[in-house]
Amino acid sequence: MFEWEISTKDYLRLRAHGTPHRLVDVRTIPEFNGAHVNGAEFITLSKFAAEFPEKLPSKNEKIILYCAHGERSMMATEMLRTAGYTDAWSLAGGYETLKTEL
């Protein structure tokens, strides 16, 4: 795992304990419309840099980002961390790993 990744196991534990967080899907519109985690917000990676300041205004809240396998969400997480978001995380393995555990 990379520095800003959260494992599926840790994410599911966080969710089960009711830890406040925002879950953001950064996949494409067809991917999101095909299936996504209930309660996930959608900001496609291609528009992420332009949209995250308005859609994710708090730099201190826990934000978990996911894509299909973890590459795009890591790029989005890096954008957030660079912008000063202190609790942004990429879901390791992405939706493909998470859906097997839900």
Foldseek 3Di string as FASTA:
>chain_A
DDPQADELVRVVVCVVVVPDEAEEEQEDPVVVVVDDDPRHHYDHLVCLLVPCCPVPVDLEGAYEYFYQAFPSQVVSQVSSVVVRRDHYHYYHGGPNVNVVVD
